[in-house]
N, C-alpha and C. Protein backbone atom coordinates (compact mmCIF):
# COMPACT_ATOMS: atom_id res chain seq x y z
N MET A 1 111.89 127.81 98.42
CA MET A 1 111.23 128.15 99.78
C MET A 1 111.82 127.12 100.69
N THR A 2 112.09 127.76 101.77
CA THR A 2 112.67 126.84 103.02
C THR A 2 111.47 126.39 103.77
N VAL A 3 111.89 125.33 104.88
CA VAL A 3 110.80 124.84 105.62
C VAL A 3 110.42 125.73 106.57
N ARG A 4 111.35 126.84 107.04
CA ARG A 4 110.96 127.95 107.98
C ARG A 4 109.94 128.90 107.27
N GLU A 5 110.19 129.15 106.05
CA GLU A 5 109.21 130.00 105.20
C GLU A 5 108.05 129.56 105.27
N ILE A 6 107.79 128.15 104.77
CA ILE A 6 106.60 127.54 104.63
C ILE A 6 105.86 127.37 105.87
N ALA A 7 106.44 127.05 106.88
CA ALA A 7 105.95 126.95 108.22
C ALA A 7 105.36 128.28 108.60
N SER A 8 106.08 129.31 108.45
CA SER A 8 105.60 130.73 108.86
C SER A 8 104.45 130.98 108.16
N LYS A 9 104.31 130.56 106.96
CA LYS A 9 102.98 130.93 106.20
C LYS A 9 101.93 130.08 106.56
N LEU A 10 102.22 128.91 107.00
CA LEU A 10 101.06 128.11 107.52
C LEU A 10 100.83 128.16 109.12
N ASP A 11 101.82 129.22 109.73
CA ASP A 11 101.55 129.40 111.01
C ASP A 11 101.70 128.25 112.05
N ILE A 12 102.69 127.38 111.63
CA ILE A 12 103.05 126.22 112.43
C ILE A 12 104.52 126.35 112.72
N LYS A 13 105.02 125.56 113.70
CA LYS A 13 106.58 125.45 113.97
C LYS A 13 107.13 124.70 112.82
N PRO A 14 108.36 124.98 112.48
CA PRO A 14 109.18 124.33 111.32
C PRO A 14 109.22 122.91 111.75
N GLU A 15 109.43 122.45 113.03
CA GLU A 15 109.64 121.08 113.47
C GLU A 15 108.35 120.43 113.29
N GLU A 16 107.28 121.05 113.59
CA GLU A 16 105.97 120.28 113.45
C GLU A 16 105.77 120.15 111.87
N LEU A 17 106.00 120.98 110.97
CA LEU A 17 105.88 120.81 109.62
C LEU A 17 106.91 119.66 109.03
N GLU A 18 108.13 119.66 109.60
CA GLU A 18 109.08 118.60 109.19
C GLU A 18 108.55 117.21 109.54
N LYS A 19 108.18 117.18 110.99
CA LYS A 19 107.68 115.93 111.37
C LYS A 19 106.41 115.36 110.67
N GLU A 20 105.45 116.23 110.36
CA GLU A 20 104.22 115.88 109.59
C GLU A 20 104.54 115.49 108.23
N SER A 21 105.59 116.18 107.55
CA SER A 21 106.04 115.91 106.32
C SER A 21 106.66 114.49 106.17
N LEU A 22 107.56 114.19 107.18
CA LEU A 22 108.15 112.89 107.24
C LEU A 22 107.14 111.87 107.39
N LYS A 23 106.21 112.12 108.26
CA LYS A 23 105.00 111.08 108.32
C LYS A 23 104.36 110.76 107.05
N VAL A 24 103.94 111.80 106.25
CA VAL A 24 103.24 111.79 105.12
C VAL A 24 104.04 110.92 104.12
N TYR A 25 105.41 111.22 103.92
CA TYR A 25 106.32 110.74 103.07
C TYR A 25 106.47 109.15 103.35
N LEU A 26 106.65 108.87 104.65
CA LEU A 26 107.03 107.50 105.29
C LEU A 26 105.63 106.60 104.89
N THR A 27 104.49 107.33 105.16
CA THR A 27 103.12 106.60 104.98
C THR A 27 103.02 106.10 103.36
N GLN A 28 103.35 107.13 102.61
CA GLN A 28 103.19 106.92 101.23
C GLN A 28 104.28 105.77 100.75
N ARG A 29 105.43 105.92 101.16
CA ARG A 29 106.49 104.80 101.00
C ARG A 29 105.95 103.54 101.41
N LEU A 30 105.49 103.36 102.77
CA LEU A 30 104.96 102.13 103.28
C LEU A 30 103.88 101.53 102.40
N ARG A 31 102.93 102.34 101.91
CA ARG A 31 101.84 101.83 101.02
C ARG A 31 102.47 101.34 99.85
N HIS A 32 103.42 101.95 99.12
CA HIS A 32 104.17 101.52 97.79
C HIS A 32 104.76 100.08 98.29
N LEU A 33 105.45 100.01 99.42
CA LEU A 33 106.04 98.75 99.68
C LEU A 33 105.13 97.59 99.95
N GLU A 34 104.04 97.87 100.60
CA GLU A 34 102.95 96.87 101.03
C GLU A 34 102.35 96.45 99.64
N SER A 35 102.20 97.45 98.67
CA SER A 35 101.56 96.91 97.37
C SER A 35 102.62 96.00 96.65
N GLU A 36 103.93 96.29 96.61
CA GLU A 36 104.74 95.47 96.05
C GLU A 36 105.00 94.06 96.72
N ILE A 37 104.80 94.12 97.84
CA ILE A 37 104.73 92.97 98.80
C ILE A 37 103.70 91.95 98.39
N PHE A 38 102.43 92.61 98.36
CA PHE A 38 101.23 91.91 97.92
C PHE A 38 101.37 91.50 96.48
N ARG A 39 101.95 92.23 95.52
CA ARG A 39 101.93 91.62 94.29
C ARG A 39 102.95 90.57 94.23
N ILE A 40 104.01 90.57 94.67
CA ILE A 40 105.03 89.34 94.79
C ILE A 40 104.38 88.17 95.40
N GLY A 41 103.67 88.49 96.61
CA GLY A 41 103.06 87.37 97.42
C GLY A 41 101.93 86.78 96.54
N SER A 42 101.22 87.45 95.78
CA SER A 42 100.00 87.01 95.09
C SER A 42 100.63 86.21 93.80
N LYS A 43 101.67 86.57 93.38
CA LYS A 43 102.30 85.86 92.30
C LYS A 43 102.57 84.38 92.73
N HIS A 44 103.01 84.33 93.87
CA HIS A 44 103.55 83.00 94.37
C HIS A 44 102.75 82.39 95.35
N GLY A 45 101.40 82.96 95.76
CA GLY A 45 100.56 82.44 96.59
C GLY A 45 101.01 82.37 97.98
N VAL A 46 101.72 83.34 98.41
CA VAL A 46 102.28 83.58 99.71
C VAL A 46 101.89 84.88 100.36
N LYS A 47 101.99 84.88 101.83
CA LYS A 47 101.64 86.15 102.35
C LYS A 47 102.95 86.88 102.88
N ASP A 48 104.04 86.21 103.03
CA ASP A 48 105.13 86.72 103.48
C ASP A 48 106.41 85.75 103.10
N ILE A 49 107.62 86.29 103.44
CA ILE A 49 108.88 85.77 103.06
C ILE A 49 108.98 84.37 103.70
N PHE A 50 108.51 84.08 104.88
CA PHE A 50 108.49 82.76 105.63
C PHE A 50 107.81 81.64 104.84
N GLN A 51 106.55 82.03 104.33
CA GLN A 51 105.81 81.06 103.55
C GLN A 51 106.46 80.80 102.12
N MET A 52 106.99 81.89 101.60
CA MET A 52 107.77 81.46 100.22
C MET A 52 109.06 80.71 100.47
N ASP A 53 109.79 80.97 101.44
CA ASP A 53 110.87 80.23 101.93
C ASP A 53 110.45 78.74 102.05
N GLU A 54 109.45 78.48 102.68
CA GLU A 54 108.92 77.02 103.02
C GLU A 54 108.55 76.40 101.70
N LEU A 55 107.73 77.17 100.66
CA LEU A 55 107.56 76.48 99.45
C LEU A 55 108.77 76.27 98.52
N ILE A 56 109.65 77.21 98.62
CA ILE A 56 110.82 77.07 97.70
C ILE A 56 111.70 75.78 98.47
N LYS A 57 111.80 75.55 99.59
CA LYS A 57 112.46 74.56 100.34
C LYS A 57 111.73 73.19 99.95
N GLY A 58 110.44 73.23 100.05
CA GLY A 58 109.53 72.18 99.76
C GLY A 58 109.46 71.74 98.32
N GLY A 59 110.14 72.51 97.40
CA GLY A 59 110.19 72.34 96.09
C GLY A 59 108.88 72.49 95.32
N LYS A 60 107.97 73.39 96.00
CA LYS A 60 106.69 73.75 95.41
C LYS A 60 106.66 74.86 94.56
N ILE A 61 107.67 75.55 94.62
CA ILE A 61 107.98 76.86 93.79
C ILE A 61 109.11 76.38 92.82
N HIS A 62 108.88 76.52 91.60
CA HIS A 62 109.89 76.04 90.57
C HIS A 62 110.20 77.28 89.49
N GLU A 63 109.24 78.11 89.50
CA GLU A 63 109.32 79.13 88.39
C GLU A 63 110.58 79.81 88.29
N ASP A 64 110.91 80.21 86.96
CA ASP A 64 112.06 81.19 86.80
C ASP A 64 111.77 82.47 87.42
N GLY A 65 112.63 83.08 88.13
CA GLY A 65 112.68 84.26 88.88
C GLY A 65 112.24 84.10 90.22
N SER A 66 111.87 83.00 90.71
CA SER A 66 111.20 82.81 92.06
C SER A 66 112.39 83.20 93.20
N TRP A 67 113.68 82.87 92.89
CA TRP A 67 114.64 83.25 93.74
C TRP A 67 114.79 84.85 93.85
N GLU A 68 114.88 85.36 92.54
CA GLU A 68 114.96 86.96 92.69
C GLU A 68 113.68 87.44 93.32
N ASP A 69 112.50 87.05 93.05
CA ASP A 69 111.37 87.59 93.93
C ASP A 69 111.46 87.27 95.44
N PHE A 70 112.21 86.27 95.74
CA PHE A 70 112.42 85.87 97.05
C PHE A 70 113.30 87.03 97.79
N PHE A 71 114.45 87.27 97.05
CA PHE A 71 115.33 88.38 97.64
C PHE A 71 114.65 89.71 97.61
N ILE A 72 113.99 89.90 96.62
CA ILE A 72 113.07 91.34 96.49
C ILE A 72 112.21 91.36 97.51
N LEU A 73 111.45 90.31 97.78
CA LEU A 73 110.47 90.38 98.90
C LEU A 73 111.00 90.42 100.34
N ASP A 74 112.13 89.89 100.52
CA ASP A 74 113.02 89.82 101.68
C ASP A 74 113.31 91.41 102.04
N ASN A 75 113.85 92.08 100.97
CA ASN A 75 114.37 93.38 101.13
C ASN A 75 113.14 94.38 101.21
N LEU A 76 112.03 94.09 100.66
CA LEU A 76 110.93 94.93 100.74
C LEU A 76 110.30 94.89 102.25
N GLU A 77 110.24 93.64 102.82
CA GLU A 77 109.75 93.40 104.02
C GLU A 77 110.65 94.07 105.08
N ALA A 78 112.05 93.97 104.85
CA ALA A 78 112.93 94.48 105.94
C ALA A 78 112.68 96.13 105.71
N GLU A 79 112.57 96.74 104.59
CA GLU A 79 112.45 98.15 104.60
C GLU A 79 111.12 98.45 105.11
N ARG A 80 110.07 97.78 104.96
CA ARG A 80 108.78 97.95 105.75
C ARG A 80 108.95 98.04 107.20
N ARG A 81 109.61 97.10 107.82
CA ARG A 81 109.77 96.94 109.09
C ARG A 81 110.59 98.19 109.75
N LYS A 82 111.58 98.66 108.91
CA LYS A 82 112.22 100.00 109.25
C LYS A 82 111.27 101.16 109.31
N ILE A 83 110.59 101.35 108.22
CA ILE A 83 109.69 102.38 108.16
C ILE A 83 108.55 102.30 109.33
N GLN A 84 107.97 101.14 109.50
CA GLN A 84 107.04 101.10 110.66
C GLN A 84 107.61 101.59 111.81
N GLY A 85 108.88 101.06 112.16
CA GLY A 85 109.69 101.53 113.41
C GLY A 85 109.78 103.04 113.42
N ILE A 86 110.19 103.56 112.40
CA ILE A 86 110.32 105.05 112.43
C ILE A 86 109.04 105.76 112.55
N LEU A 87 108.04 105.30 111.98
CA LEU A 87 106.65 105.91 111.92
C LEU A 87 106.17 105.78 113.57
N GLU A 88 106.39 104.72 114.16
CA GLU A 88 106.14 104.44 115.63
C GLU A 88 106.80 105.48 116.51
N SER A 89 108.09 105.67 116.11
CA SER A 89 108.90 106.71 116.96
C SER A 89 108.55 108.16 116.67
N LEU A 90 107.99 108.38 115.69
CA LEU A 90 107.46 109.70 115.32
C LEU A 90 106.12 110.08 115.96
N GLY A 91 105.43 109.01 116.33
CA GLY A 91 104.04 109.26 117.07
C GLY A 91 103.00 109.66 116.20
């Protein structure tokens, strides 16, 4: 089934269905990212990449995998910012 067919059955414009579908997808993706950010942050006792960077530089985080977590956290936060920006633009 196409977007046009579904929109017709729901009696809404295809553009509106696409926009709302994108919002739902991006919101779910954002929740997943925030969950992963929280998981990694909790593991190392930080709230964001900046705190983690300070602890690593200060020698307070020595665990194996902390650098890997640092880069994963950095990527997760970057993706979160992108999605937040897109959601803002969608209104």
